[in-house]
Amino acid sequence: GGVPSVPLTLPAIQNTTVGNPQTNFELFLGGLVVPGLLHLLIASAAVMAFGRELRGGSLAQWAQHWDGRLLQASLAKSLPYVVAFVAWGLVWLAWLCGWRGWGIAGSLPMLLAGLVVLMTATVALSALLVNATGDMDIAYSATAVYAGAAIAFSNGTLPLTHGPVVTQVWSALLPYTHYLRVQNAQMVMGADAGASLDDVGLLLGVTLGAGALALALAHRRAR
């Protein structure tokens, strides 16, 4: 309409995927699925380990064999599983971050601490389920509910932002959610080690709290 044109420079926009700029599915799915499977497997293995002591009333015999020292007995029963599954976790980290070359952007000690407390918390929860229900089948079912669905509710694939409150609460209650936060922060995002202290401390608290309650219930059942 006769109005002189005014030169305009459109704003430049840069879209960067933080942590995985290649949007590579090996890093994304490998980092999500493998520790989730280890979480489910150790949960099931620990239910089997503690649940078989309930068969035929053998819990009392087991306690008697240990002179009533169920704490030492429980730790001795738990230790091989924790060591074995932490070792599998280390093999996975060595393969993904070392052999495949993705590296660890943050703190390796904090990442390893997160892996260890995930396994100890899972074993403690399995012991609690067995001693609380007194039935291996019910304990396995409960394990499938919380550990089998852990990946889906971990906020790793399906975003929970603005999701239903029930979903967000359930995600916050799952141990795997807190481990995945540690892993993403330390393995992928390169966060400071202190950023993961809350999640590691929470998993340690679950280990101690669930373990103490499971031990109290085991003493009751042994009597």
N, C-alpha and C. Protein backbone atom coordinates (compact mmCIF):
# COMPACT_ATOMS: atom_id res chain seq x y z
N GLY A 1 0.80 -1.21 0.00
CA GLY A 1 0.00 0.00 0.00
C GLY A 1 0.83 1.25 0.00
N GLY A 2 2.03 1.22 -0.54
CA GLY A 2 2.85 2.40 -0.58
C GLY A 2 3.69 2.62 0.65
N VAL A 3 3.52 1.80 1.69
CA VAL A 3 4.33 1.95 2.92
C VAL A 3 5.69 1.30 2.67
N PRO A 4 6.74 2.02 2.94
CA PRO A 4 8.08 1.44 2.69
C PRO A 4 8.31 0.21 3.59
N SER A 5 8.94 -0.78 3.03
CA SER A 5 9.20 -2.02 3.79
C SER A 5 10.25 -1.78 4.87
N VAL A 6 10.05 -2.42 5.98
CA VAL A 6 10.99 -2.31 7.10
C VAL A 6 11.72 -3.64 7.23
N PRO A 7 13.02 -3.65 7.16
CA PRO A 7 13.76 -4.92 7.29
C PRO A 7 13.61 -5.50 8.71
N LEU A 8 13.16 -6.73 8.76
CA LEU A 8 12.98 -7.40 10.05
C LEU A 8 13.88 -8.62 10.13
N THR A 9 14.46 -8.82 11.31
CA THR A 9 15.27 -10.02 11.57
C THR A 9 14.52 -10.90 12.55
N LEU A 10 14.11 -12.05 12.08
CA LEU A 10 13.38 -12.96 12.96
C LEU A 10 14.29 -13.47 14.07
N PRO A 11 13.73 -13.68 15.25
CA PRO A 11 14.57 -14.20 16.35
C PRO A 11 15.07 -15.60 16.04
N ALA A 12 16.31 -15.80 16.38
CA ALA A 12 16.91 -17.13 16.17
C ALA A 12 16.55 -18.04 17.34
N ILE A 13 16.17 -19.24 17.02
CA ILE A 13 15.75 -20.20 18.04
C ILE A 13 16.64 -21.43 17.93
N GLN A 14 17.21 -21.82 19.04
CA GLN A 14 18.04 -23.03 19.07
C GLN A 14 17.37 -24.05 19.99
N ASN A 15 17.11 -25.21 19.49
CA ASN A 15 16.48 -26.29 20.25
C ASN A 15 17.52 -27.35 20.56
N THR A 16 17.87 -27.49 21.83
CA THR A 16 18.92 -28.41 22.25
C THR A 16 18.36 -29.45 23.22
N THR A 17 18.59 -30.70 22.93
CA THR A 17 18.21 -31.77 23.84
C THR A 17 19.32 -31.95 24.86
N VAL A 18 19.05 -31.59 26.08
CA VAL A 18 20.08 -31.61 27.12
C VAL A 18 20.35 -33.05 27.55
N GLY A 19 21.61 -33.43 27.58
CA GLY A 19 21.99 -34.74 28.09
C GLY A 19 22.11 -35.80 27.02
N ASN A 20 21.26 -35.76 26.01
CA ASN A 20 21.32 -36.75 24.93
C ASN A 20 21.05 -36.03 23.62
N PRO A 21 21.96 -35.14 23.19
CA PRO A 21 21.71 -34.33 22.00
C PRO A 21 21.53 -35.16 20.74
N GLN A 22 22.07 -36.39 20.74
CA GLN A 22 21.91 -37.24 19.57
C GLN A 22 20.52 -37.89 19.53
N THR A 23 19.76 -37.73 20.64
CA THR A 23 18.47 -38.44 20.80
C THR A 23 18.62 -39.91 20.44
N ASN A 24 19.66 -40.52 20.99
CA ASN A 24 19.98 -41.90 20.69
C ASN A 24 19.19 -42.83 21.59
N PHE A 25 18.56 -43.83 21.00
CA PHE A 25 17.72 -44.73 21.77
C PHE A 25 18.53 -45.73 22.59
N GLU A 26 19.79 -45.96 22.22
CA GLU A 26 20.61 -46.87 23.02
C GLU A 26 20.84 -46.29 24.41
N LEU A 27 21.19 -45.02 24.46
CA LEU A 27 21.40 -44.37 25.76
C LEU A 27 20.07 -44.22 26.50
N PHE A 28 19.02 -43.86 25.77
CA PHE A 28 17.73 -43.61 26.40
C PHE A 28 17.11 -44.89 26.94
N LEU A 29 16.95 -45.90 26.10
CA LEU A 29 16.29 -47.13 26.54
C LEU A 29 17.21 -48.02 27.35
N GLY A 30 18.50 -48.05 26.98
CA GLY A 30 19.44 -48.86 27.76
C GLY A 30 19.56 -48.36 29.19
N GLY A 31 19.58 -47.04 29.33
CA GLY A 31 19.67 -46.46 30.66
C GLY A 31 18.39 -46.59 31.46
N LEU A 32 17.28 -46.84 30.78
CA LEU A 32 16.00 -46.92 31.46
C LEU A 32 15.61 -48.36 31.79
N VAL A 33 15.75 -49.26 30.82
CA VAL A 33 15.19 -50.60 30.95
C VAL A 33 16.07 -51.53 31.78
N VAL A 34 17.38 -51.50 31.55
CA VAL A 34 18.25 -52.48 32.21
C VAL A 34 18.22 -52.36 33.74
N PRO A 35 18.42 -51.19 34.34
CA PRO A 35 18.32 -51.12 35.80
C PRO A 35 16.90 -51.41 36.29
N GLY A 36 15.88 -51.11 35.48
CA GLY A 36 14.52 -51.47 35.88
C GLY A 36 14.33 -52.97 35.94
N LEU A 37 14.91 -53.69 34.99
CA LEU A 37 14.83 -55.16 35.01
C LEU A 37 15.60 -55.73 36.20
N LEU A 38 16.78 -55.18 36.48
CA LEU A 38 17.54 -55.64 37.64
C LEU A 38 16.77 -55.39 38.93
N HIS A 39 16.08 -54.26 38.99
CA HIS A 39 15.24 -53.93 40.16
C HIS A 39 14.14 -54.97 40.35
N LEU A 40 13.48 -55.35 39.26
CA LEU A 40 12.40 -56.35 39.34
C LEU A 40 12.96 -57.72 39.68
N LEU A 41 14.09 -58.08 39.11
CA LEU A 41 14.66 -59.41 39.34
C LEU A 41 15.14 -59.58 40.79
N ILE A 42 15.82 -58.56 41.33
CA ILE A 42 16.29 -58.71 42.71
C ILE A 42 15.11 -58.69 43.68
N ALA A 43 14.04 -57.96 43.34
CA ALA A 43 12.86 -57.97 44.20
C ALA A 43 12.25 -59.36 44.24
N SER A 44 12.15 -60.01 43.09
CA SER A 44 11.58 -61.36 43.03
C SER A 44 12.49 -62.37 43.71
N ALA A 45 13.80 -62.23 43.47
CA ALA A 45 14.75 -63.16 44.09
C ALA A 45 14.72 -63.05 45.61
N ALA A 46 14.61 -61.83 46.13
CA ALA A 46 14.58 -61.64 47.59
C ALA A 46 13.29 -62.17 48.20
N VAL A 47 12.17 -62.03 47.48
CA VAL A 47 10.92 -62.64 47.97
C VAL A 47 11.08 -64.14 48.09
N MET A 48 11.69 -64.75 47.10
CA MET A 48 11.94 -66.19 47.16
C MET A 48 12.85 -66.55 48.33
N ALA A 49 13.90 -65.75 48.52
CA ALA A 49 14.88 -66.07 49.57
C ALA A 49 14.25 -66.02 50.96
N PHE A 50 13.48 -64.97 51.23
CA PHE A 50 12.86 -64.85 52.55
C PHE A 50 11.58 -65.68 52.65
N GLY A 51 10.87 -65.81 51.55
CA GLY A 51 9.60 -66.54 51.60
C GLY A 51 9.76 -68.02 51.86
N ARG A 52 10.85 -68.62 51.42
CA ARG A 52 10.99 -70.06 51.63
C ARG A 52 11.20 -70.40 53.10
N GLU A 53 11.57 -69.40 53.91
CA GLU A 53 11.70 -69.67 55.34
C GLU A 53 10.34 -69.79 56.03
N LEU A 54 9.28 -69.37 55.32
CA LEU A 54 7.94 -69.49 55.90
C LEU A 54 7.31 -70.84 55.63
N ARG A 55 7.85 -71.58 54.69
CA ARG A 55 7.24 -72.85 54.31
C ARG A 55 7.44 -73.89 55.41
N GLY A 56 6.35 -74.51 55.81
CA GLY A 56 6.43 -75.55 56.82
C GLY A 56 6.87 -75.04 58.17
N GLY A 57 6.70 -73.75 58.44
CA GLY A 57 7.09 -73.21 59.74
C GLY A 57 8.57 -73.17 59.97
N SER A 58 9.35 -73.09 58.87
CA SER A 58 10.80 -73.15 59.02
C SER A 58 11.41 -71.86 59.55
N LEU A 59 10.60 -70.79 59.62
CA LEU A 59 11.14 -69.53 60.12
C LEU A 59 11.61 -69.67 61.56
N ALA A 60 10.84 -70.37 62.36
CA ALA A 60 11.25 -70.58 63.75
C ALA A 60 12.55 -71.39 63.82
N GLN A 61 12.67 -72.40 62.95
CA GLN A 61 13.89 -73.20 62.93
C GLN A 61 15.08 -72.36 62.46
N TRP A 62 14.81 -71.51 61.47
CA TRP A 62 15.87 -70.63 60.98
C TRP A 62 16.35 -69.69 62.08
N ALA A 63 15.41 -69.13 62.82
CA ALA A 63 15.77 -68.24 63.92
C ALA A 63 16.52 -68.99 65.01
N GLN A 64 16.07 -70.22 65.28
CA GLN A 64 16.75 -71.03 66.30
C GLN A 64 18.16 -71.37 65.87
N HIS A 65 18.33 -71.65 64.58
CA HIS A 65 19.66 -71.98 64.06
C HIS A 65 20.62 -70.82 64.28
N TRP A 66 20.10 -69.59 64.18
CA TRP A 66 20.93 -68.40 64.38
C TRP A 66 20.86 -67.89 65.82
N ASP A 67 20.37 -68.73 66.73
CA ASP A 67 20.25 -68.35 68.14
C ASP A 67 19.42 -67.08 68.32
N GLY A 68 18.38 -66.96 67.48
CA GLY A 68 17.50 -65.80 67.57
C GLY A 68 18.05 -64.52 66.98
N ARG A 69 19.21 -64.57 66.40
CA ARG A 69 19.84 -63.36 65.83
C ARG A 69 19.34 -63.17 64.40
N LEU A 70 18.10 -62.75 64.29
CA LEU A 70 17.49 -62.62 62.98
C LEU A 70 18.09 -61.47 62.17
N LEU A 71 18.63 -60.46 62.86
CA LEU A 71 19.28 -59.38 62.12
C LEU A 71 20.48 -59.92 61.35
N GLN A 72 21.35 -60.66 62.05
CA GLN A 72 22.51 -61.23 61.37
C GLN A 72 22.09 -62.22 60.29
N ALA A 73 21.05 -63.01 60.60
CA ALA A 73 20.58 -63.98 59.62
C ALA A 73 20.03 -63.30 58.38
N SER A 74 19.28 -62.22 58.57
CA SER A 74 18.71 -61.51 57.43
C SER A 74 19.79 -60.83 56.60
N LEU A 75 20.78 -60.25 57.28
CA LEU A 75 21.87 -59.62 56.54
C LEU A 75 22.66 -60.66 55.74
N ALA A 76 22.89 -61.82 56.36
CA ALA A 76 23.62 -62.87 55.67
C ALA A 76 22.85 -63.39 54.46
N LYS A 77 21.53 -63.45 54.58
CA LYS A 77 20.71 -63.91 53.46
C LYS A 77 20.65 -62.85 52.36
N SER A 78 20.64 -61.58 52.73
CA SER A 78 20.49 -60.50 51.76
C SER A 78 21.77 -60.21 50.99
N LEU A 79 22.91 -60.34 51.67
CA LEU A 79 24.18 -59.88 51.11
C LEU A 79 24.51 -60.50 49.75
N PRO A 80 24.37 -61.83 49.55
CA PRO A 80 24.72 -62.37 48.23
C PRO A 80 23.90 -61.79 47.10
N TYR A 81 22.62 -61.54 47.36
CA TYR A 81 21.76 -60.98 46.31
C TYR A 81 22.17 -59.54 45.99
N VAL A 82 22.44 -58.76 47.02
CA VAL A 82 22.84 -57.38 46.78
C VAL A 82 24.16 -57.34 46.01
N VAL A 83 25.11 -58.15 46.43
CA VAL A 83 26.41 -58.17 45.75
C VAL A 83 26.25 -58.60 44.29
N ALA A 84 25.45 -59.65 44.06
CA ALA A 84 25.30 -60.18 42.70
C ALA A 84 24.65 -59.15 41.78
N PHE A 85 23.60 -58.50 42.25
CA PHE A 85 22.89 -57.59 41.37
C PHE A 85 23.60 -56.24 41.22
N VAL A 86 24.33 -55.83 42.23
CA VAL A 86 25.17 -54.65 42.07
C VAL A 86 26.26 -54.95 41.03
N ALA A 87 26.79 -56.17 41.08
CA ALA A 87 27.81 -56.56 40.10
C ALA A 87 27.23 -56.53 38.68
N TRP A 88 26.01 -57.02 38.52
CA TRP A 88 25.38 -56.94 37.20
C TRP A 88 25.18 -55.49 36.77
N GLY A 89 24.83 -54.64 37.73
CA GLY A 89 24.69 -53.22 37.42
C GLY A 89 26.00 -52.60 36.98
N LEU A 90 27.08 -53.01 37.61
CA LEU A 90 28.40 -52.50 37.23
C LEU A 90 28.79 -52.98 35.83
N VAL A 91 28.47 -54.24 35.53
CA VAL A 91 28.74 -54.76 34.19
C VAL A 91 27.98 -53.95 33.15
N TRP A 92 26.72 -53.65 33.45
CA TRP A 92 25.90 -52.85 32.52
C TRP A 92 26.48 -51.45 32.36
N LEU A 93 26.90 -50.81 33.46
CA LEU A 93 27.49 -49.48 33.36
C LEU A 93 28.79 -49.51 32.56
N ALA A 94 29.60 -50.55 32.79
CA ALA A 94 30.86 -50.66 32.06
C ALA A 94 30.60 -50.84 30.57
N TRP A 95 29.57 -51.59 30.24
CA TRP A 95 29.27 -51.81 28.82
C TRP A 95 28.71 -50.54 28.17
N LEU A 96 27.70 -49.94 28.81
CA LEU A 96 27.03 -48.79 28.20
C LEU A 96 27.92 -47.54 28.20
N CYS A 97 28.53 -47.27 29.34
CA CYS A 97 29.29 -46.02 29.48
C CYS A 97 30.75 -46.17 29.06
N GLY A 98 31.27 -47.40 29.17
CA GLY A 98 32.65 -47.63 28.79
C GLY A 98 32.80 -48.18 27.39
N TRP A 99 32.35 -49.40 27.18
CA TRP A 99 32.52 -50.07 25.89
C TRP A 99 31.79 -49.33 24.77
N ARG A 100 30.55 -48.91 25.04
CA ARG A 100 29.78 -48.20 24.02
C ARG A 100 30.15 -46.72 23.95
N GLY A 101 30.88 -46.24 24.94
CA GLY A 101 31.47 -44.91 24.86
C GLY A 101 30.59 -43.74 25.23
N TRP A 102 29.49 -43.98 25.97
CA TRP A 102 28.62 -42.86 26.32
C TRP A 102 29.18 -42.05 27.49
N GLY A 103 30.01 -42.68 28.31
CA GLY A 103 30.65 -41.95 29.39
C GLY A 103 29.70 -41.61 30.53
N ILE A 104 30.28 -41.10 31.61
CA ILE A 104 29.52 -40.65 32.78
C ILE A 104 29.83 -39.18 32.97
N ALA A 105 28.82 -38.35 32.77
CA ALA A 105 29.03 -36.91 32.75
C ALA A 105 29.21 -36.32 34.15
N GLY A 106 28.67 -37.00 35.18
CA GLY A 106 28.71 -36.46 36.53
C GLY A 106 29.63 -37.25 37.44
N SER A 107 29.10 -37.58 38.63
CA SER A 107 29.90 -38.24 39.66
C SER A 107 29.69 -39.76 39.61
N LEU A 108 30.75 -40.49 39.33
CA LEU A 108 30.67 -41.95 39.33
C LEU A 108 30.40 -42.50 40.73
N PRO A 109 31.07 -42.01 41.80
CA PRO A 109 30.75 -42.53 43.14
C PRO A 109 29.28 -42.33 43.52
N MET A 110 28.70 -41.18 43.18
CA MET A 110 27.30 -40.95 43.52
C MET A 110 26.39 -41.86 42.71
N LEU A 111 26.73 -42.12 41.46
CA LEU A 111 25.95 -43.06 40.65
C LEU A 111 26.01 -44.47 41.23
N LEU A 112 27.19 -44.89 41.67
CA LEU A 112 27.33 -46.21 42.27
C LEU A 112 26.58 -46.28 43.60
N ALA A 113 26.62 -45.20 44.37
CA ALA A 113 25.86 -45.17 45.62
C ALA A 113 24.37 -45.32 45.35
N GLY A 114 23.88 -44.67 44.31
CA GLY A 114 22.47 -44.81 43.95
C GLY A 114 22.13 -46.23 43.58
N LEU A 115 23.01 -46.90 42.84
CA LEU A 115 22.77 -48.29 42.46
C LEU A 115 22.73 -49.21 43.67
N VAL A 116 23.65 -49.00 44.60
CA VAL A 116 23.70 -49.85 45.80
C VAL A 116 22.46 -49.67 46.65
N VAL A 117 22.06 -48.43 46.90
CA VAL A 117 20.90 -48.22 47.78
C VAL A 117 19.60 -48.64 47.09
N LEU A 118 19.56 -48.61 45.75
CA LEU A 118 18.38 -49.16 45.08
C LEU A 118 18.24 -50.64 45.38
N MET A 119 19.36 -51.38 45.31
CA MET A 119 19.31 -52.82 45.56
C MET A 119 19.01 -53.12 47.03
N THR A 120 19.60 -52.37 47.95
CA THR A 120 19.34 -52.65 49.37
C THR A 120 17.90 -52.30 49.73
N ALA A 121 17.39 -51.21 49.19
CA ALA A 121 16.00 -50.83 49.47
C ALA A 121 15.04 -51.87 48.92
N THR A 122 15.34 -52.41 47.74
CA THR A 122 14.47 -53.41 47.13
C THR A 122 14.44 -54.69 47.96
N VAL A 123 15.61 -55.12 48.42
CA VAL A 123 15.67 -56.33 49.25
C VAL A 123 14.91 -56.11 50.56
N ALA A 124 15.07 -54.95 51.16
CA ALA A 124 14.36 -54.65 52.41
C ALA A 124 12.85 -54.66 52.20
N LEU A 125 12.38 -54.12 51.08
CA LEU A 125 10.95 -54.13 50.80
C LEU A 125 10.44 -55.54 50.56
N SER A 126 11.23 -56.38 49.91
CA SER A 126 10.83 -57.77 49.70
C SER A 126 10.71 -58.51 51.04
N ALA A 127 11.67 -58.28 51.92
CA ALA A 127 11.59 -58.90 53.25
C ALA A 127 10.37 -58.41 54.00
N LEU A 128 10.06 -57.13 53.87
CA LEU A 128 8.88 -56.58 54.53
C LEU A 128 7.61 -57.19 53.98
N LEU A 129 7.51 -57.32 52.67
CA LEU A 129 6.30 -57.91 52.07
C LEU A 129 6.10 -59.34 52.52
N VAL A 130 7.18 -60.11 52.57
CA VAL A 130 7.07 -61.51 52.98
C VAL A 130 6.63 -61.63 54.43
N ASN A 131 7.26 -60.86 55.30
CA ASN A 131 6.95 -60.97 56.72
C ASN A 131 5.62 -60.31 57.08
N ALA A 132 5.19 -59.33 56.29
CA ALA A 132 3.91 -58.69 56.56
C ALA A 132 2.74 -59.54 56.10
N THR A 133 2.89 -60.19 54.94
CA THR A 133 1.79 -60.99 54.40
C THR A 133 1.84 -62.45 54.85
N GLY A 134 3.04 -62.96 55.09
CA GLY A 134 3.17 -64.36 55.45
C GLY A 134 2.88 -65.31 54.31
N ASP A 135 2.88 -64.81 53.09
CA ASP A 135 2.52 -65.63 51.94
C ASP A 135 3.38 -65.20 50.75
N MET A 136 4.08 -66.16 50.14
CA MET A 136 4.97 -65.84 49.03
C MET A 136 4.19 -65.34 47.81
N ASP A 137 3.02 -65.95 47.54
CA ASP A 137 2.25 -65.56 46.36
C ASP A 137 1.78 -64.12 46.46
N ILE A 138 1.30 -63.72 47.63
CA ILE A 138 0.85 -62.34 47.81
C ILE A 138 2.05 -61.39 47.70
N ALA A 139 3.17 -61.80 48.27
CA ALA A 139 4.37 -60.96 48.20
C ALA A 139 4.84 -60.81 46.75
N TYR A 140 4.78 -61.89 45.96
CA TYR A 140 5.13 -61.80 44.55
C TYR A 140 4.18 -60.86 43.81
N SER A 141 2.90 -60.95 44.13
CA SER A 141 1.91 -60.09 43.46
C SER A 141 2.18 -58.62 43.77
N ALA A 142 2.45 -58.34 45.04
CA ALA A 142 2.76 -56.96 45.43
C ALA A 142 4.05 -56.48 44.75
N THR A 143 5.01 -57.37 44.60
CA THR A 143 6.26 -57.04 43.91
C THR A 143 6.00 -56.68 42.46
N ALA A 144 5.11 -57.45 41.80
CA ALA A 144 4.78 -57.16 40.41
C ALA A 144 4.12 -55.80 40.28
N VAL A 145 3.33 -55.41 41.29
CA VAL A 145 2.62 -54.13 41.23
C VAL A 145 3.61 -52.96 41.32
N TYR A 146 4.54 -53.03 42.29
CA TYR A 146 5.39 -51.86 42.50
C TYR A 146 6.69 -51.89 41.69
N ALA A 147 7.25 -53.08 41.49
CA ALA A 147 8.51 -53.17 40.73
C ALA A 147 8.26 -53.42 39.25
N GLY A 148 7.22 -54.19 38.93
CA GLY A 148 6.94 -54.45 37.53
C GLY A 148 6.49 -53.22 36.77
N ALA A 149 5.83 -52.31 37.46
CA ALA A 149 5.36 -51.08 36.81
C ALA A 149 6.29 -49.90 37.04
N ALA A 150 7.45 -50.15 37.61
CA ALA A 150 8.33 -49.04 38.00
C ALA A 150 8.80 -48.23 36.81
N ILE A 151 9.12 -48.89 35.69
CA ILE A 151 9.63 -48.16 34.53
C ILE A 151 8.56 -47.21 33.99
N ALA A 152 7.33 -47.70 33.90
CA ALA A 152 6.26 -46.88 33.33
C ALA A 152 5.96 -45.64 34.17
N PHE A 153 6.10 -45.75 35.49
CA PHE A 153 5.76 -44.64 36.38
C PHE A 153 6.98 -43.88 36.87
N SER A 154 8.13 -44.10 36.24
CA SER A 154 9.37 -43.49 36.71
C SER A 154 9.60 -42.09 36.16
N ASN A 155 8.72 -41.62 35.27
CA ASN A 155 8.89 -40.34 34.58
C ASN A 155 10.04 -40.41 33.58
N GLY A 156 10.45 -41.63 33.25
CA GLY A 156 11.51 -41.79 32.27
C GLY A 156 11.01 -41.80 30.84
N THR A 157 9.81 -42.32 30.61
CA THR A 157 9.26 -42.36 29.26
C THR A 157 8.00 -41.49 29.18
N LEU A 158 7.01 -41.83 29.99
CA LEU A 158 5.75 -41.08 29.97
C LEU A 158 5.87 -39.93 30.96
N PRO A 159 5.82 -38.68 30.49
CA PRO A 159 5.99 -37.54 31.40
C PRO A 159 4.84 -37.42 32.38
N LEU A 160 5.18 -37.13 33.62
CA LEU A 160 4.17 -37.01 34.67
C LEU A 160 3.80 -35.56 34.97
N THR A 161 4.45 -34.61 34.29
CA THR A 161 4.15 -33.21 34.54
C THR A 161 2.69 -32.92 34.21
N HIS A 162 2.00 -32.30 35.15
CA HIS A 162 0.58 -31.97 35.01
C HIS A 162 -0.29 -33.23 34.92
N GLY A 163 0.27 -34.37 35.29
CA GLY A 163 -0.52 -35.59 35.30
C GLY A 163 -1.40 -35.67 36.54
N PRO A 164 -2.23 -36.70 36.64
CA PRO A 164 -3.09 -36.86 37.82
C PRO A 164 -2.26 -36.93 39.10
N VAL A 165 -2.81 -36.41 40.15
CA VAL A 165 -2.09 -36.39 41.43
C VAL A 165 -1.78 -37.80 41.90
N VAL A 166 -2.72 -38.71 41.70
CA VAL A 166 -2.51 -40.10 42.12
C VAL A 166 -1.29 -40.68 41.42
N THR A 167 -1.15 -40.40 40.13
CA THR A 167 -0.01 -40.90 39.38
C THR A 167 1.30 -40.32 39.89
N GLN A 168 1.31 -39.04 40.19
CA GLN A 168 2.53 -38.41 40.68
C GLN A 168 2.91 -38.92 42.07
N VAL A 169 1.91 -39.14 42.91
CA VAL A 169 2.18 -39.69 44.25
C VAL A 169 2.72 -41.11 44.14
N TRP A 170 2.10 -41.92 43.28
CA TRP A 170 2.55 -43.31 43.11
C TRP A 170 3.99 -43.33 42.58
N SER A 171 4.30 -42.45 41.65
CA SER A 171 5.66 -42.39 41.13
C SER A 171 6.66 -42.02 42.22
N ALA A 172 6.28 -41.07 43.08
CA ALA A 172 7.18 -40.64 44.15
C ALA A 172 7.41 -41.73 45.19
N LEU A 173 6.48 -42.67 45.31
CA LEU A 173 6.61 -43.75 46.28
C LEU A 173 7.50 -44.89 45.79
N LEU A 174 7.73 -44.95 44.50
CA LEU A 174 8.49 -46.07 43.93
C LEU A 174 10.00 -45.83 44.07
N PRO A 175 10.74 -46.81 44.58
CA PRO A 175 12.19 -46.64 44.71
C PRO A 175 12.89 -46.37 43.39
N TYR A 176 12.40 -47.02 42.33
CA TYR A 176 13.09 -46.88 41.05
C TYR A 176 13.05 -45.45 40.52
N THR A 177 11.98 -44.72 40.82
CA THR A 177 11.88 -43.33 40.39
C THR A 177 13.05 -42.51 40.92
N HIS A 178 13.40 -42.73 42.17
CA HIS A 178 14.46 -41.94 42.80
C HIS A 178 15.84 -42.38 42.29
N TYR A 179 15.99 -43.68 42.01
CA TYR A 179 17.25 -44.10 41.42
C TYR A 179 17.43 -43.50 40.03
N LEU A 180 16.35 -43.50 39.24
CA LEU A 180 16.47 -42.97 37.88
C LEU A 180 16.82 -41.50 37.89
N ARG A 181 16.35 -40.76 38.89
CA ARG A 181 16.75 -39.36 39.01
C ARG A 181 18.25 -39.25 39.24
N VAL A 182 18.78 -40.11 40.11
CA VAL A 182 20.23 -40.10 40.35
C VAL A 182 20.98 -40.45 39.08
N GLN A 183 20.51 -41.46 38.38
CA GLN A 183 21.21 -41.90 37.17
C GLN A 183 21.18 -40.81 36.09
N ASN A 184 20.02 -40.23 35.87
CA ASN A 184 19.94 -39.18 34.85
C ASN A 184 20.82 -37.98 35.21
N ALA A 185 20.82 -37.64 36.51
CA ALA A 185 21.61 -36.49 36.93
C ALA A 185 23.11 -36.75 36.78
N GLN A 186 23.56 -37.93 37.17
CA GLN A 186 25.00 -38.19 37.22
C GLN A 186 25.55 -38.81 35.94
N MET A 187 24.78 -39.66 35.29
CA MET A 187 25.29 -40.33 34.09
C MET A 187 25.08 -39.49 32.84
N VAL A 188 23.96 -38.77 32.77
CA VAL A 188 23.60 -38.11 31.52
C VAL A 188 23.75 -36.59 31.60
N MET A 189 23.25 -36.00 32.69
CA MET A 189 23.16 -34.54 32.75
C MET A 189 24.42 -33.86 33.26
N GLY A 190 25.28 -34.60 33.93
CA GLY A 190 26.50 -34.00 34.46
C GLY A 190 26.26 -33.07 35.62
N ALA A 191 25.29 -33.41 36.46
CA ALA A 191 24.96 -32.57 37.61
C ALA A 191 26.00 -32.73 38.71
N ASP A 192 25.99 -31.79 39.63
CA ASP A 192 26.86 -31.88 40.80
C ASP A 192 26.43 -33.07 41.66
N ALA A 193 27.38 -33.68 42.34
CA ALA A 193 27.06 -34.85 43.16
C ALA A 193 26.04 -34.52 44.23
N GLY A 194 26.10 -33.32 44.77
CA GLY A 194 25.17 -32.93 45.83
C GLY A 194 23.72 -32.90 45.37
N ALA A 195 23.50 -32.79 44.06
CA ALA A 195 22.13 -32.74 43.56
C ALA A 195 21.40 -34.06 43.75
N SER A 196 22.13 -35.14 43.96
CA SER A 196 21.52 -36.46 44.11
C SER A 196 21.48 -36.95 45.55
N LEU A 197 21.94 -36.13 46.47
CA LEU A 197 22.00 -36.57 47.87
C LEU A 197 20.61 -36.88 48.43
N ASP A 198 19.61 -36.08 48.06
CA ASP A 198 18.27 -36.28 48.60
C ASP A 198 17.71 -37.64 48.18
N ASP A 199 17.86 -37.99 46.90
CA ASP A 199 17.32 -39.25 46.42
C ASP A 199 18.09 -40.44 47.00
N VAL A 200 19.41 -40.33 47.08
CA VAL A 200 20.19 -41.42 47.68
C VAL A 200 19.84 -41.57 49.16
N GLY A 201 19.70 -40.45 49.87
CA GLY A 201 19.32 -40.51 51.28
C GLY A 201 17.94 -41.10 51.48
N LEU A 202 17.01 -40.78 50.57
CA LEU A 202 15.66 -41.34 50.68
C LEU A 202 15.69 -42.86 50.51
N LEU A 203 16.46 -43.36 49.53
CA LEU A 203 16.55 -44.81 49.33
C LEU A 203 17.23 -45.49 50.51
N LEU A 204 18.21 -44.81 51.10
CA LEU A 204 18.84 -45.35 52.30
C LEU A 204 17.85 -45.40 53.45
N GLY A 205 17.01 -44.37 53.57
CA GLY A 205 15.97 -44.37 54.59
C GLY A 205 14.96 -45.50 54.39
N VAL A 206 14.61 -45.78 53.13
CA VAL A 206 13.71 -46.90 52.84
C VAL A 206 14.36 -48.22 53.26
N THR A 207 15.64 -48.35 52.99
CA THR A 207 16.36 -49.56 53.39
C THR A 207 16.28 -49.78 54.90
N LEU A 208 16.59 -48.74 55.65
CA LEU A 208 16.61 -48.87 57.11
C LEU A 208 15.20 -49.03 57.68
N GLY A 209 14.25 -48.23 57.18
CA GLY A 209 12.89 -48.29 57.71
C GLY A 209 12.20 -49.60 57.39
N ALA A 210 12.23 -50.00 56.11
CA ALA A 210 11.59 -51.26 55.72
C ALA A 210 12.31 -52.44 56.36
N GLY A 211 13.63 -52.36 56.45
CA GLY A 211 14.37 -53.46 57.08
C GLY A 211 14.05 -53.61 58.55
N ALA A 212 13.94 -52.50 59.27
CA ALA A 212 13.62 -52.57 60.69
C ALA A 212 12.22 -53.13 60.91
N LEU A 213 11.26 -52.70 60.10
CA LEU A 213 9.90 -53.21 60.24
C LEU A 213 9.82 -54.69 59.86
N ALA A 214 10.53 -55.08 58.81
CA ALA A 214 10.56 -56.49 58.43
C ALA A 214 11.18 -57.34 59.53
N LEU A 215 12.22 -56.84 60.18
CA LEU A 215 12.87 -57.58 61.27
C LEU A 215 11.92 -57.75 62.45
N ALA A 216 11.18 -56.69 62.80
CA ALA A 216 10.23 -56.79 63.90
C ALA A 216 9.13 -57.82 63.60
N LEU A 217 8.64 -57.83 62.38
CA LEU A 217 7.62 -58.80 61.99
C LEU A 217 8.18 -60.21 61.96
N ALA A 218 9.44 -60.35 61.54
CA ALA A 218 10.07 -61.68 61.51
C ALA A 218 10.22 -62.24 62.92
N HIS A 219 10.60 -61.40 63.89
CA HIS A 219 10.68 -61.87 65.27
C HIS A 219 9.31 -62.32 65.77
N ARG A 220 8.29 -61.59 65.39
CA ARG A 220 6.94 -61.96 65.81
C ARG A 220 6.52 -63.30 65.21
N ARG A 221 6.81 -63.48 63.93
CA ARG A 221 6.44 -64.73 63.28
C ARG A 221 7.27 -65.90 63.81
N ALA A 222 8.52 -65.64 64.14
CA ALA A 222 9.38 -66.71 64.64
C ALA A 222 8.87 -67.24 66.00
N ARG A 223 8.23 -66.34 66.75
CA ARG A 223 7.70 -66.78 68.04
C ARG A 223 6.41 -67.60 67.88
